[in-house]
Amino acid sequence: MILVLSDVHLGYARCNKKVSSIFLDTYEKGNIDHLILLGDFFDF
């Protein structure tokens, strides 16, 4: 499985860290072969 995350913007005051965390926890035990991060993952 390929998991793709885009434009998470961690560090931005209005980013939804809880939803991102729940999403990643959901797939943590899955069969992920590749994790692809697109766009702005961190926002400083």
C-alpha atoms as a PDB file:
ATOM      1  CA  MET A   1       0.000   0.000   0.000  1.00  0.00           C
ATOM      2  CA  ILE A   2       1.142   3.528  -0.744  1.00  0.00           C
ATOM      3  CA  LEU A   3       0.013   6.188   1.727  1.00  0.00           C
ATOM      4  CA  VAL A   4       0.141   9.807   0.554  1.00  0.00           C
ATOM      5  CA  LEU A   5      -0.184  12.863   2.824  1.00  0.00           C
ATOM      6  CA  SER A   6      -0.323  16.355   1.418  1.00  0.00           C
ATOM      7  CA  ASP A   7      -0.240  19.856   2.915  1.00  0.00           C
ATOM      8  CA  VAL A   8      -0.483  18.905   6.590  1.00  0.00           C
ATOM      9  CA  HIS A   9       1.134  22.214   7.714  1.00  0.00           C
ATOM     10  CA  LEU A  10       2.246  21.066  11.163  1.00  0.00           C
ATOM     11  CA  GLY A  11       3.336  24.117  13.116  1.00  0.00           C
ATOM     12  CA  TYR A  12       0.576  26.352  11.753  1.00  0.00           C
ATOM     13  CA  ALA A  13      -1.705  27.561  14.543  1.00  0.00           C
ATOM     14  CA  ARG A  14      -4.857  26.297  12.808  1.00  0.00           C
ATOM     15  CA  CYS A  15      -3.556  22.930  11.601  1.00  0.00           C
ATOM     16  CA  ASN A  16      -5.573  19.970  12.775  1.00  0.00           C
ATOM     17  CA  LYS A  17      -2.890  17.881  14.531  1.00  0.00           C
ATOM     18  CA  LYS A  18      -5.425  15.582  16.145  1.00  0.00           C
ATOM     19  CA  VAL A  19      -6.977  14.523  12.836  1.00  0.00           C
ATOM     20  CA  SER A  20      -3.529  13.972  11.299  1.00  0.00           C
ATOM     21  CA  SER A  21      -2.493  11.866  14.277  1.00  0.00           C
ATOM     22  CA  ILE A  22      -5.661   9.757  14.176  1.00  0.00           C
ATOM     23  CA  PHE A  23      -5.229   9.236  10.439  1.00  0.00           C
ATOM     24  CA  LEU A  24      -1.630   8.035  10.846  1.00  0.00           C
ATOM     25  CA  ASP A  25      -2.540   5.826  13.816  1.00  0.00           C
ATOM     26  CA  THR A  26      -5.233   4.179  11.708  1.00  0.00           C
ATOM     27  CA  TYR A  27      -2.655   3.058   9.150  1.00  0.00           C
ATOM     28  CA  GLU A  28       0.170   2.377  11.622  1.00  0.00           C
ATOM     29  CA  LYS A  29      -0.686  -1.307  11.881  1.00  0.00           C
ATOM     30  CA  GLY A  30      -1.521  -1.671   8.199  1.00  0.00           C
ATOM     31  CA  ASN A  31       0.631  -2.921   5.416  1.00  0.00           C
ATOM     32  CA  ILE A  32       2.224   0.353   4.246  1.00  0.00           C
ATOM     33  CA  ASP A  33       5.060  -0.074   1.769  1.00  0.00           C
ATOM     34  CA  HIS A  34       5.659   3.610   1.070  1.00  0.00           C
ATOM     35  CA  LEU A  35       4.765   6.880   2.796  1.00  0.00           C
ATOM     36  CA  ILE A  36       4.823   9.869   0.446  1.00  0.00           C
ATOM     37  CA  LEU A  37       4.731  13.393   1.871  1.00  0.00           C
ATOM     38  CA  LEU A  38       3.627  16.068  -0.603  1.00  0.00           C
ATOM     39  CA  GLY A  39       3.342  19.795  -0.264  1.00  0.00           C
ATOM     40  CA  ASP A  40       4.049  21.584   2.991  1.00  0.00           C
ATOM     41  CA  PHE A  41       4.288  19.048   5.803  1.00  0.00           C
ATOM     42  CA  PHE A  42       5.833  21.490   8.296  1.00  0.00           C
ATOM     43  CA  ASP A  43       4.924  25.164   8.474  1.00  0.00           C
ATOM     44  CA  PHE A  44       7.249  27.504  10.346  1.00  0.00           C
END
